[in-house]
Amino acid sequence: MQTLEMAPRIARPDDFYASLLAAHHGLDEDASIALNAKLVLILANQIGDAGLLAQALELARSNTAREAS
């Protein structure tokens, strides 16, 4: 089974983050949530591996649960 890659792999993460923010510019909250959902599904399709996706979901969920408490 493959393991989720945790080392940084984006060559210019600040540029990507700026692009992500720009994609949300001018959208209301519902449209912004929809954009995020669509992006997640597009990237999940790119990954394609159910095991890796399960690991990513668990990681995101555990981090979110810790931040909420």
Protein backbone atom coordinates (compact mmCIF):
# COMPACT_ATOMS: atom_id res chain seq x y z
CA MET A 1 0.00 0.00 0.00
CA GLN A 2 1.24 3.45 -0.83
CA THR A 3 1.84 5.98 1.94
CA LEU A 4 0.74 9.58 1.83
CA GLU A 5 3.66 11.88 0.91
CA MET A 6 4.17 14.33 3.77
CA ALA A 7 7.31 16.14 2.59
CA PRO A 8 6.69 19.48 0.85
CA ARG A 9 6.41 18.95 -2.91
CA ILE A 10 5.13 22.29 -4.21
CA ALA A 11 8.09 24.20 -5.63
CA ARG A 12 6.65 27.63 -4.77
CA PRO A 13 3.99 27.11 -2.09
CA ASP A 14 3.45 30.83 -1.48
CA ASP A 15 2.65 31.34 -5.16
CA PHE A 16 0.16 28.47 -5.08
CA TYR A 17 -1.45 29.88 -1.94
CA ALA A 18 -1.76 33.29 -3.61
CA SER A 19 -3.39 31.62 -6.63
CA LEU A 20 -5.79 29.77 -4.35
CA LEU A 21 -6.79 33.00 -2.62
CA ALA A 22 -7.18 34.74 -5.98
CA ALA A 23 -9.51 31.97 -7.16
CA HIS A 24 -11.76 32.76 -4.18
CA HIS A 25 -11.67 36.52 -4.72
CA GLY A 26 -15.14 37.98 -5.20
CA LEU A 27 -16.98 34.75 -4.36
CA ASP A 28 -19.59 34.64 -1.63
CA GLU A 29 -19.28 31.99 1.09
CA ASP A 30 -21.40 29.38 -0.71
CA ALA A 31 -19.47 29.79 -3.97
CA SER A 32 -16.18 29.60 -2.08
CA ILE A 33 -17.24 26.36 -0.39
CA ALA A 34 -18.30 24.97 -3.78
CA LEU A 35 -14.93 25.93 -5.31
CA ASN A 36 -13.11 24.10 -2.49
CA ALA A 37 -15.29 21.01 -2.93
CA LYS A 38 -14.70 20.96 -6.69
CA LEU A 39 -10.95 21.38 -6.20
CA VAL A 40 -10.89 18.50 -3.70
CA LEU A 41 -12.72 16.23 -6.14
CA ILE A 42 -10.45 17.21 -9.04
CA LEU A 43 -7.32 16.54 -6.98
CA ALA A 44 -8.77 13.30 -5.57
CA ASN A 45 -9.35 12.11 -9.12
CA GLN A 46 -5.75 13.02 -9.96
CA ILE A 47 -4.48 10.95 -7.02
CA GLY A 48 -6.84 8.12 -7.82
CA ASP A 49 -5.62 5.73 -5.13
CA ALA A 50 -8.35 4.91 -2.58
CA GLY A 51 -5.80 4.10 0.13
CA LEU A 52 -3.99 7.41 -0.26
CA LEU A 53 -7.29 9.27 -0.28
CA ALA A 54 -8.34 7.50 2.92
CA GLN A 55 -5.05 8.50 4.55
CA ALA A 56 -5.53 12.12 3.44
CA LEU A 57 -9.09 12.20 4.79
CA GLU A 58 -7.96 10.80 8.13
CA LEU A 59 -5.09 13.29 8.37
CA ALA A 60 -7.33 16.23 7.52
CA ARG A 61 -10.02 15.04 9.93
CA SER A 62 -7.62 14.48 12.84
CA ASN A 63 -5.97 17.87 12.35
CA THR A 64 -9.37 19.57 12.13
CA ALA A 65 -10.67 17.80 15.23
CA ARG A 66 -7.59 18.92 17.23
CA GLU A 67 -7.96 22.52 16.03
CA ALA A 68 -11.65 22.57 16.96
CA SER A 69 -11.01 21.46 20.56
